[in-house]
């Protein structure tokens, strides 16, 4: 059952593949904002996955987050998502990411519960 408070954490290490320079979102070798957002989304997806009906998943629809501090190569990043609101199929999460120095990003992420088959039928 989808209830407020469900949470999960996703982790990664900053490497050349997830830097702004490699991902094209900047030209420096620091953790890329798109990589941070994806890590936050992964935590949100994971937080509710075990509670979904069979054949269902969630898809990201909105991300409103700030990237407030850079993280360099080798930094360990942990993103956390906490389910704060359930409105039918709409799920709202508070998300945040930290490195050893503290908070590097935070925001709100919205996902929707969808039927996998019906969703993929829309893809042409």
PDB file of N, CA and C in Angstrom:
ATOM      1  N   UNK A   1       0.844  -1.177   0.000  1.00  0.00           N
ATOM      2  CA  UNK A   1       0.000   0.000   0.000  1.00  0.00           C
ATOM      3  C   UNK A   1       0.891   1.244   0.000  1.00  0.00           C
ATOM      4  N   UNK A   2       0.540   2.189  -0.833  1.00  0.00           N
ATOM      5  CA  UNK A   2       1.315   3.426  -0.932  1.00  0.00           C
ATOM      6  C   UNK A   2       0.900   4.372   0.181  1.00  0.00           C
ATOM      7  N   UNK A   3       1.810   4.582   1.112  1.00  0.00           N
ATOM      8  CA  UNK A   3       1.539   5.462   2.244  1.00  0.00           C
ATOM      9  C   UNK A   3       2.663   6.468   2.411  1.00  0.00           C
ATOM     10  N   UNK A   4       2.299   7.643   2.916  1.00  0.00           N
ATOM     11  CA  UNK A   4       3.301   8.655   3.212  1.00  0.00           C
ATOM     12  C   UNK A   4       4.386   8.057   4.093  1.00  0.00           C
ATOM     13  N   UNK A   5       5.602   8.518   3.862  1.00  0.00           N
ATOM     14  CA  UNK A   5       6.714   8.060   4.685  1.00  0.00           C
ATOM     15  C   UNK A   5       7.574   6.991   4.039  1.00  0.00           C
ATOM     16  N   UNK A   6       7.072   6.323   2.987  1.00  0.00           N
ATOM     17  CA  UNK A   6       7.922   5.354   2.292  1.00  0.00           C
ATOM     18  C   UNK A   6       9.163   6.083   1.804  1.00  0.00           C
ATOM     19  N   UNK A   7      10.313   5.447   1.926  1.00  0.00           N
ATOM     20  CA  UNK A   7      11.542   6.126   1.523  1.00  0.00           C
ATOM     21  C   UNK A   7      12.574   5.129   1.028  1.00  0.00           C
ATOM     22  N   UNK A   8      13.553   5.645   0.321  1.00  0.00           N
ATOM     23  CA  UNK A   8      14.669   4.841  -0.157  1.00  0.00           C
ATOM     24  C   UNK A   8      15.851   5.758  -0.428  1.00  0.00           C
ATOM     25  N   UNK A   9      17.005   5.123  -0.560  1.00  0.00           N
ATOM     26  CA  UNK A   9      18.228   5.858  -0.842  1.00  0.00           C
ATOM     27  C   UNK A   9      18.943   5.186  -2.003  1.00  0.00           C
ATOM     28  N   UNK A  10      19.504   5.990  -2.894  1.00  0.00           N
ATOM     29  CA  UNK A  10      20.318   5.491  -4.007  1.00  0.00           C
ATOM     30  C   UNK A  10      21.690   6.136  -3.901  1.00  0.00           C
ATOM     31  N   UNK A  11      22.714   5.372  -4.277  1.00  0.00           N
ATOM     32  CA  UNK A  11      24.096   5.859  -4.119  1.00  0.00           C
ATOM     33  C   UNK A  11      24.873   5.721  -5.421  1.00  0.00           C
ATOM     34  N   UNK A  12      25.865   6.596  -5.556  1.00  0.00           N
ATOM     35  CA  UNK A  12      26.806   6.506  -6.666  1.00  0.00           C
ATOM     36  C   UNK A  12      28.107   7.176  -6.253  1.00  0.00           C
ATOM     37  N   UNK A  13      29.119   6.948  -7.047  1.00  0.00           N
ATOM     38  CA  UNK A  13      30.408   7.614  -6.872  1.00  0.00           C
ATOM     39  C   UNK A  13      30.643   8.496  -8.084  1.00  0.00           C
ATOM     40  N   UNK A  14      31.104   9.717  -7.854  1.00  0.00           N
ATOM     41  CA  UNK A  14      31.385  10.607  -8.974  1.00  0.00           C
ATOM     42  C   UNK A  14      32.572  10.041  -9.756  1.00  0.00           C
ATOM     43  N   UNK A  15      32.336   9.801 -11.046  1.00  0.00           N
ATOM     44  CA  UNK A  15      33.364   9.297 -11.954  1.00  0.00           C
ATOM     45  C   UNK A  15      33.276  10.101 -13.252  1.00  0.00           C
ATOM     46  N   UNK A  16      34.177   9.899 -14.132  1.00  0.00           N
ATOM     47  CA  UNK A  16      34.197  10.696 -15.378  1.00  0.00           C
ATOM     48  C   UNK A  16      32.868  10.596 -16.141  1.00  0.00           C
ATOM     49  N   UNK A  17      32.208   9.427 -16.097  1.00  0.00           N
ATOM     50  CA  UNK A  17      30.981   9.224 -16.862  1.00  0.00           C
ATOM     51  C   UNK A  17      29.802  10.056 -16.362  1.00  0.00           C
ATOM     52  N   UNK A  18      29.793  10.458 -15.085  1.00  0.00           N
ATOM     53  CA  UNK A  18      28.655  11.235 -14.573  1.00  0.00           C
ATOM     54  C   UNK A  18      29.038  12.679 -14.230  1.00  0.00           C
ATOM     55  N   UNK A  19      30.111  13.166 -14.886  1.00  0.00           N
ATOM     56  CA  UNK A  19      30.486  14.567 -14.687  1.00  0.00           C
ATOM     57  C   UNK A  19      29.755  15.455 -15.689  1.00  0.00           C
ATOM     58  N   UNK A  20      29.704  16.733 -15.360  1.00  0.00           N
ATOM     59  CA  UNK A  20      29.084  17.715 -16.255  1.00  0.00           C
ATOM     60  C   UNK A  20      29.810  17.754 -17.595  1.00  0.00           C
ATOM     61  N   UNK A  21      31.138  17.640 -17.570  1.00  0.00           N
ATOM     62  CA  UNK A  21      31.906  17.667 -18.814  1.00  0.00           C
ATOM     63  C   UNK A  21      31.525  16.505 -19.728  1.00  0.00           C
ATOM     64  N   UNK A  22      31.356  15.315 -19.186  1.00  0.00           N
ATOM     65  CA  UNK A  22      31.035  14.136 -20.000  1.00  0.00           C
ATOM     66  C   UNK A  22      29.569  14.135 -20.433  1.00  0.00           C
ATOM     67  N   UNK A  23      28.680  14.583 -19.542  1.00  0.00           N
ATOM     68  CA  UNK A  23      27.252  14.537 -19.854  1.00  0.00           C
ATOM     69  C   UNK A  23      26.792  15.721 -20.703  1.00  0.00           C
ATOM     70  N   UNK A  24      27.654  16.729 -20.858  1.00  0.00           N
ATOM     71  CA  UNK A  24      27.304  17.864 -21.710  1.00  0.00           C
ATOM     72  C   UNK A  24      26.504  18.956 -21.028  1.00  0.00           C
ATOM     73  N   UNK A  25      26.379  18.884 -19.703  1.00  0.00           N
ATOM     74  CA  UNK A  25      25.606  19.918 -19.003  1.00  0.00           C
ATOM     75  C   UNK A  25      26.507  21.039 -18.480  1.00  0.00           C
ATOM     76  N   UNK A  26      27.796  20.900 -18.702  1.00  0.00           N
ATOM     77  CA  UNK A  26      28.783  21.889 -18.287  1.00  0.00           C
ATOM     78  C   UNK A  26      30.121  21.462 -18.835  1.00  0.00           C
ATOM     79  N   UNK A  27      31.185  22.152 -18.406  1.00  0.00           N
ATOM     80  CA  UNK A  27      32.491  21.812 -18.949  1.00  0.00           C
ATOM     81  C   UNK A  27      33.529  21.512 -17.862  1.00  0.00           C
ATOM     82  N   UNK A  28      33.040  21.203 -16.646  1.00  0.00           N
ATOM     83  CA  UNK A  28      33.961  20.872 -15.561  1.00  0.00           C
ATOM     84  C   UNK A  28      33.742  19.437 -15.095  1.00  0.00           C
ATOM     85  N   UNK A  29      34.775  18.885 -14.466  1.00  0.00           N
ATOM     86  CA  UNK A  29      34.728  17.505 -13.985  1.00  0.00           C
ATOM     87  C   UNK A  29      34.175  17.462 -12.563  1.00  0.00           C
ATOM     88  N   UNK A  30      32.885  17.791 -12.443  1.00  0.00           N
ATOM     89  CA  UNK A  30      32.143  17.735 -11.184  1.00  0.00           C
ATOM     90  C   UNK A  30      30.862  16.952 -11.447  1.00  0.00           C
ATOM     91  N   UNK A  31      30.225  16.477 -10.381  1.00  0.00           N
ATOM     92  CA  UNK A  31      28.981  15.710 -10.509  1.00  0.00           C
ATOM     93  C   UNK A  31      27.956  16.533 -11.285  1.00  0.00           C
ATOM     94  N   UNK A  32      27.439  15.961 -12.349  1.00  0.00           N
ATOM     95  CA  UNK A  32      26.503  16.665 -13.233  1.00  0.00           C
ATOM     96  C   UNK A  32      25.118  16.784 -12.600  1.00  0.00           C
ATOM     97  N   UNK A  33      24.483  17.910 -12.840  1.00  0.00           N
ATOM     98  CA  UNK A  33      23.113  18.097 -12.362  1.00  0.00           C
ATOM     99  C   UNK A  33      22.181  17.011 -12.913  1.00  0.00           C
ATOM    100  N   UNK A  34      22.247  16.656 -14.214  1.00  0.00           N
ATOM    101  CA  UNK A  34      21.373  15.576 -14.686  1.00  0.00           C
ATOM    102  C   UNK A  34      21.617  14.250 -13.967  1.00  0.00           C
ATOM    103  N   UNK A  35      22.863  13.982 -13.587  1.00  0.00           N
ATOM    104  CA  UNK A  35      23.167  12.750 -12.857  1.00  0.00           C
ATOM    105  C   UNK A  35      22.567  12.800 -11.454  1.00  0.00           C
ATOM    106  N   UNK A  36      22.606  13.958 -10.820  1.00  0.00           N
ATOM    107  CA  UNK A  36      22.008  14.108  -9.487  1.00  0.00           C
ATOM    108  C   UNK A  36      20.493  13.911  -9.564  1.00  0.00           C
ATOM    109  N   UNK A  37      19.864  14.508 -10.584  1.00  0.00           N
ATOM    110  CA  UNK A  37      18.416  14.369 -10.748  1.00  0.00           C
ATOM    111  C   UNK A  37      18.038  12.908 -10.980  1.00  0.00           C
ATOM    112  N   UNK A  38      18.812  12.214 -11.806  1.00  0.00           N
ATOM    113  CA  UNK A  38      18.525  10.796 -12.068  1.00  0.00           C
ATOM    114  C   UNK A  38      18.667   9.960 -10.802  1.00  0.00           C
ATOM    115  N   UNK A  39      19.655  10.272  -9.984  1.00  0.00           N
ATOM    116  CA  UNK A  39      19.839   9.539  -8.733  1.00  0.00           C
ATOM    117  C   UNK A  39      18.662   9.774  -7.787  1.00  0.00           C
ATOM    118  N   UNK A  40      18.172  11.009  -7.742  1.00  0.00           N
ATOM    119  CA  UNK A  40      16.990  11.324  -6.928  1.00  0.00           C
ATOM    120  C   UNK A  40      15.768  10.571  -7.446  1.00  0.00           C
ATOM    121  N   UNK A  41      15.594  10.549  -8.765  1.00  0.00           N
ATOM    122  CA  UNK A  41      14.468   9.823  -9.356  1.00  0.00           C
ATOM    123  C   UNK A  41      14.553   8.335  -9.041  1.00  0.00           C
ATOM    124  N   UNK A  42      15.745   7.785  -9.098  1.00  0.00           N
ATOM    125  CA  UNK A  42      15.928   6.367  -8.798  1.00  0.00           C
ATOM    126  C   UNK A  42      15.528   6.065  -7.359  1.00  0.00           C
ATOM    127  N   UNK A  43      15.896   6.945  -6.441  1.00  0.00           N
ATOM    128  CA  UNK A  43      15.509   6.743  -5.036  1.00  0.00           C
ATOM    129  C   UNK A  43      13.990   6.768  -4.891  1.00  0.00           C
ATOM    130  N   UNK A  44      13.324   7.693  -5.583  1.00  0.00           N
ATOM    131  CA  UNK A  44      11.864   7.784  -5.511  1.00  0.00           C
ATOM    132  C   UNK A  44      11.207   6.541  -6.101  1.00  0.00           C
ATOM    133  N   UNK A  45      11.684   6.108  -7.250  1.00  0.00           N
ATOM    134  CA  UNK A  45      11.143   4.908  -7.881  1.00  0.00           C
ATOM    135  C   UNK A  45      11.296   3.704  -6.948  1.00  0.00           C
ATOM    136  N   UNK A  46      12.456   3.577  -6.356  1.00  0.00           N
ATOM    137  CA  UNK A  46      12.754   2.457  -5.464  1.00  0.00           C
ATOM    138  C   UNK A  46      11.903   2.501  -4.195  1.00  0.00           C
ATOM    139  N   UNK A  47      11.621   3.700  -3.696  1.00  0.00           N
ATOM    140  CA  UNK A  47      10.871   3.850  -2.445  1.00  0.00           C
ATOM    141  C   UNK A  47       9.499   3.194  -2.503  1.00  0.00           C
ATOM    142  N   UNK A  48       8.868   3.199  -3.666  1.00  0.00           N
ATOM    143  CA  UNK A  48       7.495   2.687  -3.764  1.00  0.00           C
ATOM    144  C   UNK A  48       7.358   1.400  -4.560  1.00  0.00           C
ATOM    145  N   UNK A  49       8.436   0.951  -5.191  1.00  0.00           N
ATOM    146  CA  UNK A  49       8.359  -0.190  -6.119  1.00  0.00           C
ATOM    147  C   UNK A  49       7.721  -1.432  -5.510  1.00  0.00           C
ATOM    148  N   UNK A  50       8.073  -1.768  -4.298  1.00  0.00           N
ATOM    149  CA  UNK A  50       7.563  -3.001  -3.680  1.00  0.00           C
ATOM    150  C   UNK A  50       6.089  -2.916  -3.301  1.00  0.00           C
ATOM    151  N   UNK A  51       5.532  -1.725  -3.273  1.00  0.00           N
ATOM    152  CA  UNK A  51       4.137  -1.533  -2.852  1.00  0.00           C
ATOM    153  C   UNK A  51       3.171  -1.365  -4.026  1.00  0.00           C
ATOM    154  N   UNK A  52       3.668  -1.438  -5.240  1.00  0.00           N
ATOM    155  CA  UNK A  52       2.817  -1.228  -6.422  1.00  0.00           C
ATOM    156  C   UNK A  52       2.088  -2.508  -6.811  1.00  0.00           C
ATOM    157  N   UNK A  53       0.906  -2.346  -7.421  1.00  0.00           N
ATOM    158  CA  UNK A  53       0.203  -3.524  -7.930  1.00  0.00           C
ATOM    159  C   UNK A  53       1.039  -4.219  -9.007  1.00  0.00           C
ATOM    160  N   UNK A  54       0.835  -5.522  -9.152  1.00  0.00           N
ATOM    161  CA  UNK A  54       1.550  -6.275 -10.179  1.00  0.00           C
ATOM    162  C   UNK A  54       1.279  -5.655 -11.546  1.00  0.00           C
ATOM    163  N   UNK A  55       2.324  -5.517 -12.342  1.00  0.00           N
ATOM    164  CA  UNK A  55       2.197  -4.948 -13.679  1.00  0.00           C
ATOM    165  C   UNK A  55       2.304  -3.433 -13.716  1.00  0.00           C
ATOM    166  N   UNK A  56       2.489  -2.820 -12.559  1.00  0.00           N
ATOM    167  CA  UNK A  56       2.588  -1.362 -12.488  1.00  0.00           C
ATOM    168  C   UNK A  56       4.019  -0.924 -12.226  1.00  0.00           C
ATOM    169  N   UNK A  57       4.285   0.326 -12.556  1.00  0.00           N
ATOM    170  CA  UNK A  57       5.544   0.979 -12.239  1.00  0.00           C
ATOM    171  C   UNK A  57       5.232   2.457 -12.040  1.00  0.00           C
ATOM    172  N   UNK A  58       6.266   3.251 -11.821  1.00  0.00           N
ATOM    173  CA  UNK A  58       6.064   4.700 -11.755  1.00  0.00           C
ATOM    174  C   UNK A  58       6.921   5.356 -12.811  1.00  0.00           C
ATOM    175  N   UNK A  59       6.458   6.502 -13.285  1.00  0.00           N
ATOM    176  CA  UNK A  59       7.215   7.303 -14.246  1.00  0.00           C
ATOM    177  C   UNK A  59       7.353   8.716 -13.701  1.00  0.00           C
ATOM    178  N   UNK A  60       8.524   9.293 -13.930  1.00  0.00           N
ATOM    179  CA  UNK A  60       8.770  10.656 -13.487  1.00  0.00           C
ATOM    180  C   UNK A  60       8.026  11.644 -14.365  1.00  0.00           C
ATOM    181  N   UNK A  61       7.448  12.674 -13.746  1.00  0.00           N
ATOM    182  CA  UNK A  61       6.705  13.681 -14.486  1.00  0.00           C
ATOM    183  C   UNK A  61       7.226  15.097 -14.235  1.00  0.00           C
ATOM    184  N   UNK A  62       7.782  15.320 -13.062  1.00  0.00           N
ATOM    185  CA  UNK A  62       8.230  16.673 -12.732  1.00  0.00           C
ATOM    186  C   UNK A  62       9.350  16.599 -11.703  1.00  0.00           C
ATOM    187  N   UNK A  63      10.336  17.463 -11.879  1.00  0.00           N
ATOM    188  CA  UNK A  63      11.420  17.581 -10.914  1.00  0.00           C
ATOM    189  C   UNK A  63      11.677  19.071 -10.713  1.00  0.00           C
ATOM    190  N   UNK A  64      11.578  19.502  -9.474  1.00  0.00           N
ATOM    191  CA  UNK A  64      11.883  20.881  -9.125  1.00  0.00           C
ATOM    192  C   UNK A  64      12.938  20.812  -8.034  1.00  0.00           C
ATOM    193  N   UNK A  65      14.203  20.937  -8.436  1.00  0.00           N
ATOM    194  CA  UNK A  65      15.292  20.766  -7.480  1.00  0.00           C
ATOM    195  C   UNK A  65      16.406  21.762  -7.759  1.00  0.00           C
ATOM    196  N   UNK A  66      17.185  22.012  -6.734  1.00  0.00           N
ATOM    197  CA  UNK A  66      18.346  22.883  -6.861  1.00  0.00           C
ATOM    198  C   UNK A  66      19.607  22.067  -6.631  1.00  0.00           C
ATOM    199  N   UNK A  67      20.650  22.408  -7.371  1.00  0.00           N
ATOM    200  CA  UNK A  67      21.966  21.792  -7.200  1.00  0.00           C
ATOM    201  C   UNK A  67      22.816  22.877  -6.561  1.00  0.00           C
ATOM    202  N   UNK A  68      23.087  22.744  -5.265  1.00  0.00           N
ATOM    203  CA  UNK A  68      23.621  23.869  -4.498  1.00  0.00           C
ATOM    204  C   UNK A  68      25.106  23.797  -4.197  1.00  0.00           C
ATOM    205  N   UNK A  69      25.743  22.661  -4.482  1.00  0.00           N
ATOM    206  CA  UNK A  69      27.163  22.521  -4.140  1.00  0.00           C
ATOM    207  C   UNK A  69      27.809  21.496  -5.071  1.00  0.00           C
ATOM    208  N   UNK A  70      29.016  21.775  -5.575  1.00  0.00           N
ATOM    209  CA  UNK A  70      29.686  20.805  -6.446  1.00  0.00           C
ATOM    210  C   UNK A  70      30.304  19.649  -5.668  1.00  0.00           C
ATOM    211  N   UNK A  71      30.426  18.521  -6.358  1.00  0.00           N
ATOM    212  CA  UNK A  71      31.093  17.330  -5.811  1.00  0.00           C
ATOM    213  C   UNK A  71      32.088  16.860  -6.856  1.00  0.00           C
ATOM    214  N   UNK A  72      33.321  16.604  -6.436  1.00  0.00           N
ATOM    215  CA  UNK A  72      34.378  16.223  -7.364  1.00  0.00           C
ATOM    216  C   UNK A  72      34.505  14.734  -7.570  1.00  0.00           C
ATOM    217  N   UNK A  73      35.409  14.372  -8.466  1.00  0.00           N
ATOM    218  CA  UNK A  73      35.683  12.967  -8.766  1.00  0.00           C
ATOM    219  C   UNK A  73      35.994  12.197  -7.486  1.00  0.00           C
ATOM    220  N   UNK A  74      35.415  11.023  -7.370  1.00  0.00           N
ATOM    221  CA  UNK A  74      35.631  10.165  -6.213  1.00  0.00           C
ATOM    222  C   UNK A  74      34.663  10.382  -5.066  1.00  0.00           C
ATOM    223  N   UNK A  75      33.895  11.472  -5.099  1.00  0.00           N
ATOM    224  CA  UNK A  75      32.939  11.740  -4.020  1.00  0.00           C
ATOM    225  C   UNK A  75      31.828  10.699  -4.028  1.00  0.00           C
ATOM    226  N   UNK A  76      31.429  10.270  -2.845  1.00  0.00           N
ATOM    227  CA  UNK A  76      30.305   9.344  -2.693  1.00  0.00           C
ATOM    228  C   UNK A  76      29.035  10.184  -2.540  1.00  0.00           C
ATOM    229  N   UNK A  77      28.038   9.910  -3.376  1.00  0.00           N
ATOM    230  CA  UNK A  77      26.785  10.663  -3.360  1.00  0.00           C
ATOM    231  C   UNK A  77      25.654   9.733  -2.934  1.00  0.00           C
ATOM    232  N   UNK A  78      24.800  10.211  -2.018  1.00  0.00           N
ATOM    233  CA  UNK A  78      23.607   9.468  -1.588  1.00  0.00           C
ATOM    234  C   UNK A  78      22.394  10.358  -1.803  1.00  0.00           C
ATOM    235  N   UNK A  79      21.439   9.854  -2.562  1.00  0.00           N
ATOM    236  CA  UNK A  79      20.177  10.562  -2.774  1.00  0.00           C
ATOM    237  C   UNK A  79      19.083   9.849  -1.999  1.00  0.00           C
ATOM    238  N   UNK A  80      18.242  10.632  -1.349  1.00  0.00           N
ATOM    239  CA  UNK A  80      17.137  10.096  -0.563  1.00  0.00           C
ATOM    240  C   UNK A  80      15.822  10.654  -1.086  1.00  0.00           C
ATOM    241  N   UNK A  81      14.798   9.804  -1.105  1.00  0.00           N
ATOM    242  CA  UNK A  81      13.452  10.231  -1.485  1.00  0.00           C
ATOM    243  C   UNK A  81      12.475   9.759  -0.421  1.00  0.00           C
ATOM    244  N   UNK A  82      11.571  10.649  -0.024  1.00  0.00           N
ATOM    245  CA  UNK A  82      10.542  10.330   0.960  1.00  0.00           C
ATOM    246  C   UNK A  82       9.189  10.676   0.347  1.00  0.00           C
ATOM    247  N   UNK A  83       8.282   9.711   0.314  1.00  0.00           N
ATOM    248  CA  UNK A  83       6.942   9.935  -0.207  1.00  0.00           C
ATOM    249  C   UNK A  83       6.176  10.819   0.775  1.00  0.00           C
ATOM    250  N   UNK A  84       5.727  11.987   0.294  1.00  0.00           N
ATOM    251  CA  UNK A  84       5.050  12.941   1.177  1.00  0.00           C
ATOM    252  C   UNK A  84       3.571  13.111   0.877  1.00  0.00           C
ATOM    253  N   UNK A  85       3.144  12.687  -0.324  1.00  0.00           N
ATOM    254  CA  UNK A  85       1.736  12.859  -0.673  1.00  0.00           C
ATOM    255  C   UNK A  85       1.317  11.834  -1.718  1.00  0.00           C
ATOM    256  N   UNK A  86       0.124  11.275  -1.530  1.00  0.00           N
ATOM    257  CA  UNK A  86      -0.455  10.342  -2.485  1.00  0.00           C
ATOM    258  C   UNK A  86      -1.821  10.883  -2.879  1.00  0.00           C
ATOM    259  N   UNK A  87      -1.992  11.207  -4.167  1.00  0.00           N
ATOM    260  CA  UNK A  87      -3.275  11.692  -4.696  1.00  0.00           C
ATOM    261  C   UNK A  87      -3.647  10.817  -5.887  1.00  0.00           C
ATOM    262  N   UNK A  88      -4.359   9.740  -5.628  1.00  0.00           N
ATOM    263  CA  UNK A  88      -4.669   8.798  -6.700  1.00  0.00           C
ATOM    264  C   UNK A  88      -3.378   8.199  -7.234  1.00  0.00           C
ATOM    265  N   UNK A  89      -3.139   8.386  -8.552  1.00  0.00           N
ATOM    266  CA  UNK A  89      -1.912   7.858  -9.172  1.00  0.00           C
ATOM    267  C   UNK A  89      -0.716   8.796  -9.004  1.00  0.00           C
ATOM    268  N   UNK A  90      -0.948  10.020  -8.542  1.00  0.00           N
ATOM    269  CA  UNK A  90       0.114  11.027  -8.402  1.00  0.00           C
ATOM    270  C   UNK A  90       0.832  10.875  -7.058  1.00  0.00           C
ATOM    271  N   UNK A  91       2.166  10.751  -7.129  1.00  0.00           N
ATOM    272  CA  UNK A  91       2.998  10.588  -5.935  1.00  0.00           C
ATOM    273  C   UNK A  91       3.974  11.756  -5.847  1.00  0.00           C
ATOM    274  N   UNK A  92       4.038  12.392  -4.690  1.00  0.00           N
ATOM    275  CA  UNK A  92       4.951  13.517  -4.480  1.00  0.00           C
ATOM    276  C   UNK A  92       6.015  13.118  -3.463  1.00  0.00           C
ATOM    277  N   UNK A  93       7.264  13.412  -3.785  1.00  0.00           N
ATOM    278  CA  UNK A  93       8.410  13.055  -2.948  1.00  0.00           C
ATOM    279  C   UNK A  93       9.231  14.289  -2.603  1.00  0.00           C
ATOM    280  N   UNK A  94       9.747  14.333  -1.393  1.00  0.00           N
ATOM    281  CA  UNK A  94      10.831  15.249  -1.059  1.00  0.00           C
ATOM    282  C   UNK A  94      12.106  14.484  -1.371  1.00  0.00           C
ATOM    283  N   UNK A  95      13.007  15.124  -2.104  1.00  0.00           N
ATOM    284  CA  UNK A  95      14.251  14.478  -2.496  1.00  0.00           C
ATOM    285  C   UNK A  95      15.441  15.325  -2.068  1.00  0.00           C
ATOM    286  N   UNK A  96      16.543  14.661  -1.818  1.00  0.00           N
ATOM    287  CA  UNK A  96      17.767  15.366  -1.463  1.00  0.00           C
ATOM    288  C   UNK A  96      18.965  14.516  -1.802  1.00  0.00           C
ATOM    289  N   UNK A  97      20.103  15.171  -1.997  1.00  0.00           N
ATOM    290  CA  UNK A  97      21.348  14.455  -2.271  1.00  0.00           C
ATOM    291  C   UNK A  97      22.446  15.058  -1.406  1.00  0.00           C
ATOM    292  N   UNK A  98      23.320  14.174  -0.915  1.00  0.00           N
ATOM    293  CA  UNK A  98      24.409  14.597  -0.025  1.00  0.00           C
ATOM    294  C   UNK A  98      25.712  13.943  -0.446  1.00  0.00           C
ATOM    295  N   UNK A  99      26.811  14.638  -0.143  1.00  0.00           N
ATOM    296  CA  UNK A  99      28.124  14.015  -0.195  1.00  0.00           C
ATOM    297  C   UNK A  99      28.714  14.117   1.202  1.00  0.00           C
ATOM    298  N   UNK A 100      29.976  13.776   1.374  1.00  0.00           N
ATOM    299  CA  UNK A 100      30.570  13.793   2.711  1.00  0.00           C
ATOM    300  C   UNK A 100      30.542  15.169   3.351  1.00  0.00           C
ATOM    301  N   UNK A 101      30.467  16.219   2.548  1.00  0.00           N
ATOM    302  CA  UNK A 101      30.439  17.584   3.065  1.00  0.00           C
ATOM    303  C   UNK A 101      29.053  18.094   3.404  1.00  0.00           C
ATOM    304  N   UNK A 102      28.008  17.321   3.091  1.00  0.00           N
ATOM    305  CA  UNK A 102      26.646  17.747   3.404  1.00  0.00           C
ATOM    306  C   UNK A 102      25.749  17.784   2.182  1.00  0.00           C
ATOM    307  N   UNK A 103      24.671  18.550   2.299  1.00  0.00           N
ATOM    308  CA  UNK A 103      23.646  18.638   1.258  1.00  0.00           C
ATOM    309  C   UNK A 103      24.227  19.242  -0.016  1.00  0.00           C
ATOM    310  N   UNK A 104      23.981  18.571  -1.152  1.00  0.00           N
ATOM    311  CA  UNK A 104      24.414  19.126  -2.438  1.00  0.00           C
ATOM    312  C   UNK A 104      23.229  19.494  -3.324  1.00  0.00           C
ATOM    313  N   UNK A 105      22.043  18.985  -2.995  1.00  0.00           N
ATOM    314  CA  UNK A 105      20.858  19.301  -3.784  1.00  0.00           C
ATOM    315  C   UNK A 105      19.609  18.858  -3.059  1.00  0.00           C
ATOM    316  N   UNK A 106      18.494  19.530  -3.366  1.00  0.00           N
ATOM    317  CA  UNK A 106      17.222  19.183  -2.727  1.00  0.00           C
ATOM    318  C   UNK A 106      16.067  19.674  -3.573  1.00  0.00           C
ATOM    319  N   UNK A 107      14.897  19.075  -3.363  1.00  0.00           N
ATOM    320  CA  UNK A 107      13.744  19.509  -4.125  1.00  0.00           C
ATOM    321  C   UNK A 107      12.535  18.614  -3.938  1.00  0.00           C
ATOM    322  N   UNK A 108      11.627  18.724  -4.915  1.00  0.00           N
ATOM    323  CA  UNK A 108      10.375  17.971  -4.927  1.00  0.00           C
ATOM    324  C   UNK A 108      10.268  17.266  -6.271  1.00  0.00           C
ATOM    325  N   UNK A 109       9.867  16.000  -6.231  1.00  0.00           N
ATOM    326  CA  UNK A 109       9.748  15.178  -7.438  1.00  0.00           C
ATOM    327  C   UNK A 109       8.355  14.558  -7.474  1.00  0.00           C
ATOM    328  N   UNK A 110       7.737  14.585  -8.656  1.00  0.00           N
ATOM    329  CA  UNK A 110       6.409  13.985  -8.847  1.00  0.00           C
ATOM    330  C   UNK A 110       6.525  12.811  -9.809  1.00  0.00           C
ATOM    331  N   UNK A 111       5.917  11.696  -9.414  1.00  0.00           N
ATOM    332  CA  UNK A 111       5.846  10.501 -10.246  1.00  0.00           C
ATOM    333  C   UNK A 111       4.382  10.072 -10.338  1.00  0.00           C
ATOM    334  N   UNK A 112       4.055   9.296 -11.364  1.00  0.00           N
ATOM    335  CA  UNK A 112       2.718   8.742 -11.524  1.00  0.00           C
ATOM    336  C   UNK A 112       2.799   7.226 -11.624  1.00  0.00           C
ATOM    337  N   UNK A 113       1.854   6.554 -11.012  1.00  0.00           N
ATOM    338  CA  UNK A 113       1.733   5.110 -11.134  1.00  0.00           C
ATOM    339  C   UNK A 113       1.074   4.821 -12.480  1.00  0.00           C
ATOM    340  N   UNK A 114       1.688   3.929 -13.255  1.00  0.00           N
ATOM    341  CA  UNK A 114       1.143   3.555 -14.562  1.00  0.00           C
ATOM    342  C   UNK A 114       1.180   2.047 -14.717  1.00  0.00           C
ATOM    343  N   UNK A 115       0.306   1.543 -15.580  1.00  0.00           N
ATOM    344  CA  UNK A 115       0.339   0.146 -15.996  1.00  0.00           C
ATOM    345  C   UNK A 115       1.423   0.031 -17.061  1.00  0.00           C
ATOM    346  N   UNK A 116       2.382  -0.850 -16.849  1.00  0.00           N
ATOM    347  CA  UNK A 116       3.523  -0.971 -17.771  1.00  0.00           C
ATOM    348  C   UNK A 116       3.083  -1.227 -19.213  1.00  0.00           C
ATOM    349  N   UNK A 117       2.208  -2.195 -19.402  1.00  0.00           N
ATOM    350  CA  UNK A 117       1.788  -2.563 -20.757  1.00  0.00           C
ATOM    351  C   UNK A 117       1.067  -1.424 -21.467  1.00  0.00           C
ATOM    352  N   UNK A 118       0.115  -0.806 -20.789  1.00  0.00           N
ATOM    353  CA  UNK A 118      -0.624   0.302 -21.390  1.00  0.00           C
ATOM    354  C   UNK A 118       0.305   1.465 -21.718  1.00  0.00           C
ATOM    355  N   UNK A 119       1.243   1.729 -20.830  1.00  0.00           N
ATOM    356  CA  UNK A 119       2.195   2.824 -21.039  1.00  0.00           C
ATOM    357  C   UNK A 119       3.047   2.553 -22.286  1.00  0.00           C
ATOM    358  N   UNK A 120       3.576   1.339 -22.371  1.00  0.00           N
ATOM    359  CA  UNK A 120       4.451   1.005 -23.509  1.00  0.00           C
ATOM    360  C   UNK A 120       3.680   0.903 -24.826  1.00  0.00           C
ATOM    361  N   UNK A 121       2.382   0.617 -24.749  1.00  0.00           N
ATOM    362  CA  UNK A 121       1.560   0.608 -25.950  1.00  0.00           C
ATOM    363  C   UNK A 121       1.472   1.989 -26.603  1.00  0.00           C
ATOM    364  N   UNK A 122       1.713   3.031 -25.818  1.00  0.00           N
ATOM    365  CA  UNK A 122       1.669   4.407 -26.328  1.00  0.00           C
ATOM    366  C   UNK A 122       2.958   4.798 -27.043  1.00  0.00           C
ATOM    367  N   UNK A 123       4.002   3.998 -26.876  1.00  0.00           N
ATOM    368  CA  UNK A 123       5.286   4.298 -27.490  1.00  0.00           C
ATOM    369  C   UNK A 123       5.311   3.710 -28.894  1.00  0.00           C
ATOM    370  N   UNK A 124       5.519   4.512 -29.847  1.00  0.00           N
ATOM    371  CA  UNK A 124       5.563   4.054 -31.267  1.00  0.00           C
ATOM    372  C   UNK A 124       6.936   4.285 -31.824  1.00  0.00           C
TER     373      UNK A 124
END
